[in-house]
Amino acid sequence: MRPEQEIVERLFAQHKTLCTAESCTGGWLAKRITDVPGASAVFECGFVCYSNRIKHALLGVREETLQSFGAVSSQTAREMALGALRASGADVAVSVTGIAGPASDDTQKPVGLVYIAVTDGERTDVQEYRSAYTGDVRAQNRRASTERALLQLGRFLTE
């Protein structure tokens, strides 16, 4: 069974709803979840917040966090997930922020670096991942980040 199918089934069984907050994956995570028949019973909404301005305006990511740690950081991933949870009223939120490539941003963080956070408001799990893909592999990094987010979310729902 695909991870998104398991997630939808677990959320349904637990009577919980989900929202997503994505940057580098550009909505791919929400798409994978909503591809599952019946996802409308558990999926509230997805935020695609690419710019720092929108991360701050819609999700409440603090400007100090963005300036001190950058958009691609564990701190930003945590604040994105918590902000999405507040804004949506969902029970669980997952966020993804990273550098898909083909080049790094002005922070010189490596291509393929991604932070994923999952929260229910009481527990928050933030993980750092580094993709082995380098060079002109934007789509591969985005797919890998989406898959990692699904797996991390699935584990969170079983704990």
N, C-alpha and C. Protein backbone atom coordinates (compact mmCIF):
# COMPACT_ATOMS: atom_id res chain seq x y z
N MET A 1 0.85 -1.18 0.00
CA MET A 1 0.00 0.00 0.00
C MET A 1 0.90 1.25 0.00
N ARG A 2 0.50 2.23 -0.77
CA ARG A 2 1.27 3.47 -0.86
C ARG A 2 1.15 4.25 0.45
N PRO A 3 2.18 5.01 0.81
CA PRO A 3 2.15 5.71 2.10
C PRO A 3 0.98 6.69 2.23
N GLU A 4 0.60 7.34 1.14
CA GLU A 4 -0.51 8.29 1.22
C GLU A 4 -1.84 7.59 1.51
N GLN A 5 -2.00 6.37 0.99
CA GLN A 5 -3.20 5.59 1.28
C GLN A 5 -3.26 5.23 2.76
N GLU A 6 -2.12 4.80 3.30
CA GLU A 6 -2.06 4.47 4.73
C GLU A 6 -2.35 5.69 5.59
N ILE A 7 -1.84 6.84 5.19
CA ILE A 7 -2.06 8.08 5.95
C ILE A 7 -3.54 8.43 5.98
N VAL A 8 -4.18 8.39 4.83
CA VAL A 8 -5.61 8.71 4.77
C VAL A 8 -6.40 7.74 5.64
N GLU A 9 -6.08 6.46 5.56
CA GLU A 9 -6.79 5.47 6.37
C GLU A 9 -6.56 5.68 7.86
N ARG A 10 -5.32 5.98 8.25
CA ARG A 10 -5.03 6.22 9.68
C ARG A 10 -5.76 7.46 10.18
N LEU A 11 -5.70 8.53 9.41
CA LEU A 11 -6.39 9.75 9.82
C LEU A 11 -7.89 9.50 9.98
N PHE A 12 -8.46 8.78 9.03
CA PHE A 12 -9.89 8.47 9.08
C PHE A 12 -10.21 7.65 10.34
N ALA A 13 -9.41 6.64 10.60
CA ALA A 13 -9.64 5.77 11.77
C ALA A 13 -9.48 6.53 13.08
N GLN A 14 -8.59 7.53 13.08
CA GLN A 14 -8.33 8.32 14.29
C GLN A 14 -9.24 9.55 14.39
N HIS A 15 -10.12 9.72 13.40
CA HIS A 15 -11.03 10.88 13.36
C HIS A 15 -10.24 12.20 13.41
N LYS A 16 -9.16 12.25 12.61
CA LYS A 16 -8.31 13.44 12.57
C LYS A 16 -8.27 14.01 11.16
N THR A 17 -7.94 15.30 11.10
CA THR A 17 -7.79 15.98 9.82
C THR A 17 -6.36 16.47 9.65
N LEU A 18 -5.99 16.75 8.41
CA LEU A 18 -4.62 17.08 8.05
C LEU A 18 -4.57 18.34 7.21
N CYS A 19 -3.49 19.11 7.39
CA CYS A 19 -3.17 20.19 6.46
C CYS A 19 -1.68 20.11 6.15
N THR A 20 -1.30 20.70 5.03
CA THR A 20 0.10 20.71 4.61
C THR A 20 0.57 22.15 4.44
N ALA A 21 1.87 22.35 4.65
CA ALA A 21 2.52 23.64 4.39
C ALA A 21 3.80 23.32 3.64
N GLU A 22 3.84 23.71 2.38
CA GLU A 22 4.94 23.32 1.52
C GLU A 22 5.65 24.52 0.93
N SER A 23 6.94 24.35 0.76
CA SER A 23 7.73 25.33 0.04
C SER A 23 8.36 24.64 -1.17
N CYS A 24 9.47 23.94 -1.00
CA CYS A 24 10.20 23.37 -2.14
C CYS A 24 9.41 22.31 -2.90
N THR A 25 8.45 21.67 -2.28
CA THR A 25 7.67 20.63 -2.97
C THR A 25 6.51 21.22 -3.76
N GLY A 26 6.20 22.47 -3.56
CA GLY A 26 5.25 23.19 -4.41
C GLY A 26 3.87 22.59 -4.54
N GLY A 27 3.40 21.88 -3.52
CA GLY A 27 2.06 21.30 -3.57
C GLY A 27 2.03 19.82 -3.89
N TRP A 28 3.19 19.22 -4.16
CA TRP A 28 3.22 17.80 -4.50
C TRP A 28 2.74 16.92 -3.35
N LEU A 29 3.02 17.33 -2.11
CA LEU A 29 2.58 16.55 -0.96
C LEU A 29 1.05 16.54 -0.87
N ALA A 30 0.45 17.71 -0.99
CA ALA A 30 -1.02 17.79 -0.97
C ALA A 30 -1.62 17.00 -2.13
N LYS A 31 -0.98 17.06 -3.29
CA LYS A 31 -1.47 16.31 -4.45
C LYS A 31 -1.46 14.81 -4.18
N ARG A 32 -0.35 14.32 -3.63
CA ARG A 32 -0.26 12.87 -3.36
C ARG A 32 -1.35 12.43 -2.40
N ILE A 33 -1.62 13.23 -1.39
CA ILE A 33 -2.65 12.86 -0.41
C ILE A 33 -4.03 12.93 -1.03
N THR A 34 -4.29 13.99 -1.79
CA THR A 34 -5.63 14.15 -2.37
C THR A 34 -5.86 13.26 -3.58
N ASP A 35 -4.83 12.58 -4.06
CA ASP A 35 -5.02 11.56 -5.10
C ASP A 35 -5.74 10.33 -4.55
N VAL A 36 -5.74 10.17 -3.23
CA VAL A 36 -6.36 9.00 -2.59
C VAL A 36 -7.87 9.21 -2.52
N PRO A 37 -8.66 8.27 -3.06
CA PRO A 37 -10.12 8.39 -2.92
C PRO A 37 -10.51 8.45 -1.44
N GLY A 38 -11.39 9.36 -1.11
CA GLY A 38 -11.82 9.52 0.27
C GLY A 38 -11.00 10.51 1.08
N ALA A 39 -9.96 11.08 0.47
CA ALA A 39 -9.11 12.02 1.19
C ALA A 39 -9.88 13.25 1.66
N SER A 40 -10.97 13.57 0.99
CA SER A 40 -11.74 14.76 1.38
C SER A 40 -12.30 14.64 2.80
N ALA A 41 -12.39 13.43 3.33
CA ALA A 41 -12.87 13.25 4.71
C ALA A 41 -11.83 13.65 5.74
N VAL A 42 -10.55 13.73 5.33
CA VAL A 42 -9.49 14.00 6.30
C VAL A 42 -8.57 15.17 5.92
N PHE A 43 -8.60 15.61 4.67
CA PHE A 43 -7.68 16.67 4.23
C PHE A 43 -8.38 18.02 4.26
N GLU A 44 -7.88 18.92 5.10
CA GLU A 44 -8.47 20.25 5.23
C GLU A 44 -7.99 21.19 4.13
N CYS A 45 -6.66 21.37 4.02
CA CYS A 45 -6.13 22.32 3.04
C CYS A 45 -4.63 22.17 2.93
N GLY A 46 -4.09 22.80 1.90
CA GLY A 46 -2.65 22.86 1.72
C GLY A 46 -2.22 24.28 1.45
N PHE A 47 -1.15 24.69 2.09
CA PHE A 47 -0.54 26.00 1.86
C PHE A 47 0.73 25.78 1.06
N VAL A 48 0.89 26.51 -0.04
CA VAL A 48 2.16 26.53 -0.75
C VAL A 48 2.72 27.92 -0.55
N CYS A 49 3.70 28.02 0.32
CA CYS A 49 4.28 29.31 0.73
C CYS A 49 5.73 29.34 0.30
N TYR A 50 5.96 29.86 -0.89
CA TYR A 50 7.29 29.83 -1.46
C TYR A 50 8.16 30.98 -0.96
N SER A 51 7.58 32.15 -0.86
CA SER A 51 8.37 33.31 -0.43
C SER A 51 8.37 33.46 1.08
N ASN A 52 9.41 34.10 1.59
CA ASN A 52 9.47 34.38 3.03
C ASN A 52 8.32 35.27 3.46
N ARG A 53 7.95 36.22 2.61
CA ARG A 53 6.86 37.13 2.94
C ARG A 53 5.57 36.35 3.21
N ILE A 54 5.28 35.38 2.38
CA ILE A 54 4.05 34.59 2.54
C ILE A 54 4.17 33.61 3.71
N LYS A 55 5.37 33.06 3.92
CA LYS A 55 5.55 32.21 5.10
C LYS A 55 5.20 32.99 6.36
N HIS A 56 5.61 34.24 6.40
CA HIS A 56 5.32 35.10 7.55
C HIS A 56 3.84 35.49 7.58
N ALA A 57 3.32 35.96 6.45
CA ALA A 57 1.94 36.49 6.41
C ALA A 57 0.88 35.42 6.63
N LEU A 58 1.02 34.26 6.02
CA LEU A 58 -0.02 33.23 6.11
C LEU A 58 0.20 32.24 7.25
N LEU A 59 1.45 31.91 7.52
CA LEU A 59 1.73 30.87 8.51
C LEU A 59 2.27 31.42 9.82
N GLY A 60 2.60 32.70 9.83
CA GLY A 60 3.11 33.30 11.06
C GLY A 60 4.54 32.95 11.39
N VAL A 61 5.31 32.51 10.39
CA VAL A 61 6.73 32.27 10.63
C VAL A 61 7.36 33.62 10.98
N ARG A 62 8.03 33.67 12.10
CA ARG A 62 8.58 34.93 12.59
C ARG A 62 9.70 35.44 11.68
N GLU A 63 9.70 36.74 11.44
CA GLU A 63 10.75 37.33 10.63
C GLU A 63 12.12 37.08 11.24
N GLU A 64 12.19 37.09 12.57
CA GLU A 64 13.47 36.82 13.25
C GLU A 64 13.97 35.42 12.93
N THR A 65 13.06 34.47 12.83
CA THR A 65 13.44 33.09 12.49
C THR A 65 14.00 33.05 11.08
N LEU A 66 13.31 33.69 10.15
CA LEU A 66 13.75 33.69 8.76
C LEU A 66 15.10 34.39 8.61
N GLN A 67 15.29 35.49 9.33
CA GLN A 67 16.55 36.23 9.22
C GLN A 67 17.70 35.50 9.91
N SER A 68 17.43 34.90 11.06
CA SER A 68 18.50 34.25 11.83
C SER A 68 18.88 32.87 11.29
N PHE A 69 17.88 32.10 10.88
CA PHE A 69 18.14 30.71 10.49
C PHE A 69 17.90 30.43 9.01
N GLY A 70 17.14 31.29 8.35
CA GLY A 70 16.84 31.11 6.94
C GLY A 70 15.56 30.34 6.72
N ALA A 71 15.07 30.40 5.50
CA ALA A 71 13.84 29.69 5.14
C ALA A 71 14.03 28.18 5.19
N VAL A 72 15.25 27.73 4.95
CA VAL A 72 15.55 26.30 4.98
C VAL A 72 16.26 26.00 6.29
N SER A 73 15.45 25.70 7.30
CA SER A 73 15.97 25.43 8.64
C SER A 73 14.94 24.63 9.43
N SER A 74 15.40 23.97 10.47
CA SER A 74 14.48 23.23 11.32
C SER A 74 13.51 24.17 12.01
N GLN A 75 13.99 25.35 12.38
CA GLN A 75 13.14 26.32 13.06
C GLN A 75 12.00 26.79 12.16
N THR A 76 12.31 27.06 10.90
CA THR A 76 11.27 27.49 9.96
C THR A 76 10.28 26.37 9.69
N ALA A 77 10.78 25.14 9.52
CA ALA A 77 9.87 24.00 9.30
C ALA A 77 8.90 23.86 10.46
N ARG A 78 9.41 23.97 11.68
CA ARG A 78 8.56 23.87 12.88
C ARG A 78 7.50 24.97 12.88
N GLU A 79 7.90 26.20 12.63
CA GLU A 79 6.95 27.31 12.65
C GLU A 79 5.95 27.21 11.50
N MET A 80 6.37 26.70 10.36
CA MET A 80 5.43 26.49 9.25
C MET A 80 4.35 25.49 9.64
N ALA A 81 4.75 24.38 10.24
CA ALA A 81 3.78 23.34 10.62
C ALA A 81 2.82 23.86 11.69
N LEU A 82 3.36 24.51 12.71
CA LEU A 82 2.50 25.04 13.77
C LEU A 82 1.58 26.13 13.24
N GLY A 83 2.08 26.97 12.34
CA GLY A 83 1.26 28.01 11.74
C GLY A 83 0.15 27.45 10.88
N ALA A 84 0.45 26.41 10.12
CA ALA A 84 -0.57 25.78 9.29
C ALA A 84 -1.65 25.15 10.15
N LEU A 85 -1.24 24.55 11.26
CA LEU A 85 -2.19 23.95 12.19
C LEU A 85 -3.15 25.01 12.73
N ARG A 86 -2.60 26.15 13.16
CA ARG A 86 -3.43 27.25 13.67
C ARG A 86 -4.35 27.81 12.59
N ALA A 87 -3.80 28.05 11.42
CA ALA A 87 -4.58 28.70 10.35
C ALA A 87 -5.70 27.81 9.82
N SER A 88 -5.49 26.50 9.82
CA SER A 88 -6.45 25.59 9.21
C SER A 88 -7.45 25.00 10.20
N GLY A 89 -7.06 24.89 11.45
CA GLY A 89 -7.91 24.19 12.41
C GLY A 89 -7.84 22.68 12.29
N ALA A 90 -6.90 22.18 11.49
CA ALA A 90 -6.71 20.73 11.35
C ALA A 90 -6.13 20.15 12.63
N ASP A 91 -6.13 18.84 12.72
CA ASP A 91 -5.58 18.15 13.88
C ASP A 91 -4.09 17.88 13.76
N VAL A 92 -3.62 17.73 12.53
CA VAL A 92 -2.22 17.40 12.25
C VAL A 92 -1.77 18.24 11.08
N ALA A 93 -0.51 18.70 11.14
CA ALA A 93 0.07 19.46 10.03
C ALA A 93 1.44 18.90 9.71
N VAL A 94 1.79 18.96 8.44
CA VAL A 94 3.12 18.57 7.98
C VAL A 94 3.65 19.70 7.12
N SER A 95 4.94 20.04 7.31
CA SER A 95 5.55 21.09 6.51
C SER A 95 6.84 20.59 5.88
N VAL A 96 7.19 21.19 4.75
CA VAL A 96 8.41 20.85 4.02
C VAL A 96 9.05 22.14 3.55
N THR A 97 10.33 22.31 3.83
CA THR A 97 11.09 23.43 3.31
C THR A 97 12.49 22.94 2.97
N GLY A 98 12.99 23.31 1.81
CA GLY A 98 14.29 22.80 1.40
C GLY A 98 14.81 23.48 0.15
N ILE A 99 15.93 22.97 -0.33
CA ILE A 99 16.56 23.50 -1.54
C ILE A 99 16.54 22.39 -2.59
N ALA A 100 15.65 22.56 -3.56
CA ALA A 100 15.47 21.53 -4.59
C ALA A 100 16.56 21.57 -5.66
N GLY A 101 17.15 22.73 -5.88
CA GLY A 101 18.19 22.86 -6.90
C GLY A 101 17.65 23.45 -8.19
N PRO A 102 18.42 23.55 -9.20
CA PRO A 102 19.74 22.96 -9.37
C PRO A 102 20.87 23.69 -8.65
N ALA A 103 20.61 24.90 -8.16
CA ALA A 103 21.65 25.65 -7.45
C ALA A 103 21.13 26.00 -6.06
N SER A 104 22.05 26.30 -5.18
CA SER A 104 21.69 26.71 -3.83
C SER A 104 21.17 28.14 -3.85
N ASP A 105 20.60 28.56 -2.73
CA ASP A 105 20.17 29.94 -2.60
C ASP A 105 21.35 30.77 -2.09
N ASP A 106 21.09 31.99 -1.68
CA ASP A 106 22.18 32.87 -1.24
C ASP A 106 22.75 32.48 0.12
N THR A 107 22.20 31.48 0.78
CA THR A 107 22.72 31.03 2.08
C THR A 107 23.84 30.01 1.93
N GLN A 108 24.03 29.50 0.73
CA GLN A 108 25.04 28.48 0.45
C GLN A 108 24.75 27.14 1.11
N LYS A 109 23.51 26.93 1.55
CA LYS A 109 23.12 25.61 2.05
C LYS A 109 23.08 24.67 0.84
N PRO A 110 23.38 23.40 1.04
CA PRO A 110 23.52 22.50 -0.11
C PRO A 110 22.19 22.14 -0.77
N VAL A 111 22.27 21.95 -2.07
CA VAL A 111 21.12 21.43 -2.81
C VAL A 111 20.77 20.07 -2.23
N GLY A 112 19.48 19.83 -2.06
CA GLY A 112 19.02 18.56 -1.51
C GLY A 112 18.77 18.59 -0.02
N LEU A 113 19.12 19.70 0.65
CA LEU A 113 18.85 19.83 2.08
C LEU A 113 17.37 20.14 2.28
N VAL A 114 16.71 19.39 3.14
CA VAL A 114 15.28 19.61 3.39
C VAL A 114 14.99 19.37 4.86
N TYR A 115 14.04 20.16 5.37
CA TYR A 115 13.54 19.98 6.74
C TYR A 115 12.05 19.70 6.65
N ILE A 116 11.63 18.68 7.39
CA ILE A 116 10.22 18.29 7.42
C ILE A 116 9.77 18.28 8.87
N ALA A 117 8.63 18.90 9.13
CA ALA A 117 8.07 18.93 10.48
C ALA A 117 6.65 18.38 10.44
N VAL A 118 6.31 17.61 11.46
CA VAL A 118 4.95 17.11 11.65
C VAL A 118 4.54 17.47 13.07
N THR A 119 3.34 18.00 13.23
CA THR A 119 2.87 18.38 14.56
C THR A 119 1.38 18.13 14.72
N ASP A 120 1.00 17.89 15.97
CA ASP A 120 -0.41 17.86 16.33
C ASP A 120 -0.71 18.94 17.37
N GLY A 121 0.23 19.84 17.55
CA GLY A 121 0.09 20.92 18.52
C GLY A 121 0.69 20.59 19.87
N GLU A 122 0.75 19.32 20.19
CA GLU A 122 1.37 18.88 21.45
C GLU A 122 2.76 18.29 21.19
N ARG A 123 2.84 17.45 20.18
CA ARG A 123 4.11 16.86 19.77
C ARG A 123 4.51 17.47 18.44
N THR A 124 5.81 17.72 18.28
CA THR A 124 6.33 18.17 17.00
C THR A 124 7.60 17.39 16.70
N ASP A 125 7.64 16.80 15.52
CA ASP A 125 8.80 16.03 15.07
C ASP A 125 9.40 16.74 13.87
N VAL A 126 10.64 17.21 14.00
CA VAL A 126 11.33 17.88 12.91
C VAL A 126 12.54 17.04 12.53
N GLN A 127 12.68 16.76 11.26
CA GLN A 127 13.80 15.96 10.77
C GLN A 127 14.51 16.68 9.63
N GLU A 128 15.82 16.47 9.57
CA GLU A 128 16.63 16.99 8.47
C GLU A 128 16.99 15.82 7.55
N TYR A 129 16.89 16.07 6.25
CA TYR A 129 17.26 15.07 5.26
C TYR A 129 18.19 15.72 4.25
N ARG A 130 19.08 14.93 3.70
CA ARG A 130 19.96 15.40 2.63
C ARG A 130 19.85 14.41 1.48
N SER A 131 19.51 14.93 0.34
CA SER A 131 19.36 14.09 -0.84
C SER A 131 20.73 13.82 -1.44
N ALA A 132 20.87 12.66 -2.02
CA ALA A 132 22.11 12.31 -2.71
C ALA A 132 22.16 12.92 -4.11
N TYR A 133 21.03 13.45 -4.57
CA TYR A 133 20.98 14.04 -5.91
C TYR A 133 21.64 15.40 -5.90
N THR A 134 22.47 15.66 -6.90
CA THR A 134 23.10 16.98 -7.05
C THR A 134 23.01 17.38 -8.51
N GLY A 135 23.34 18.62 -8.76
CA GLY A 135 23.29 19.12 -10.13
C GLY A 135 21.87 19.47 -10.52
N ASP A 136 21.54 19.24 -11.78
CA ASP A 136 20.24 19.63 -12.32
C ASP A 136 19.21 18.53 -12.06
N VAL A 137 18.83 18.39 -10.81
CA VAL A 137 17.95 17.29 -10.41
C VAL A 137 16.78 17.80 -9.58
N ARG A 138 16.29 18.95 -9.92
CA ARG A 138 15.22 19.59 -9.16
C ARG A 138 14.02 18.66 -8.93
N ALA A 139 13.52 18.06 -9.99
CA ALA A 139 12.34 17.20 -9.86
C ALA A 139 12.63 15.99 -8.97
N GLN A 140 13.82 15.41 -9.09
CA GLN A 140 14.17 14.26 -8.24
C GLN A 140 14.19 14.66 -6.77
N ASN A 141 14.77 15.81 -6.46
CA ASN A 141 14.81 16.27 -5.08
C ASN A 141 13.41 16.56 -4.55
N ARG A 142 12.55 17.11 -5.38
CA ARG A 142 11.18 17.40 -4.94
C ARG A 142 10.41 16.10 -4.69
N ARG A 143 10.57 15.13 -5.58
CA ARG A 143 9.91 13.83 -5.38
C ARG A 143 10.42 13.15 -4.11
N ALA A 144 11.74 13.16 -3.91
CA ALA A 144 12.32 12.53 -2.72
C ALA A 144 11.83 13.22 -1.45
N SER A 145 11.73 14.53 -1.47
CA SER A 145 11.25 15.28 -0.30
C SER A 145 9.79 14.96 -0.01
N THR A 146 8.99 14.85 -1.06
CA THR A 146 7.58 14.49 -0.89
C THR A 146 7.45 13.10 -0.28
N GLU A 147 8.23 12.16 -0.78
CA GLU A 147 8.18 10.79 -0.26
C GLU A 147 8.62 10.75 1.20
N ARG A 148 9.68 11.47 1.53
CA ARG A 148 10.15 11.50 2.92
C ARG A 148 9.09 12.10 3.84
N ALA A 149 8.42 13.14 3.38
CA ALA A 149 7.37 13.76 4.20
C ALA A 149 6.23 12.78 4.45
N LEU A 150 5.85 12.03 3.43
CA LEU A 150 4.79 11.04 3.61
C LEU A 150 5.20 9.97 4.62
N LEU A 151 6.43 9.50 4.51
CA LEU A 151 6.90 8.46 5.43
C LEU A 151 6.99 8.98 6.86
N GLN A 152 7.49 10.21 7.03
CA GLN A 152 7.59 10.80 8.36
C GLN A 152 6.21 11.02 8.97
N LEU A 153 5.28 11.50 8.16
CA LEU A 153 3.90 11.70 8.63
C LEU A 153 3.28 10.36 9.03
N GLY A 154 3.48 9.34 8.23
CA GLY A 154 2.95 8.02 8.55
C GLY A 154 3.48 7.49 9.87
N ARG A 155 4.78 7.66 10.11
CA ARG A 155 5.36 7.23 11.39
C ARG A 155 4.77 8.01 12.55
N PHE A 156 4.61 9.31 12.37
CA PHE A 156 4.05 10.17 13.42
C PHE A 156 2.66 9.71 13.82
N LEU A 157 1.87 9.32 12.84
CA LEU A 157 0.49 8.91 13.11
C LEU A 157 0.40 7.56 13.81
N THR A 158 1.47 6.78 13.79
CA THR A 158 1.45 5.47 14.46
C THR A 158 2.06 5.52 15.85
N GLU A 159 2.69 6.62 16.21
CA GLU A 159 3.33 6.73 17.54
C GLU A 159 2.33 7.04 18.61
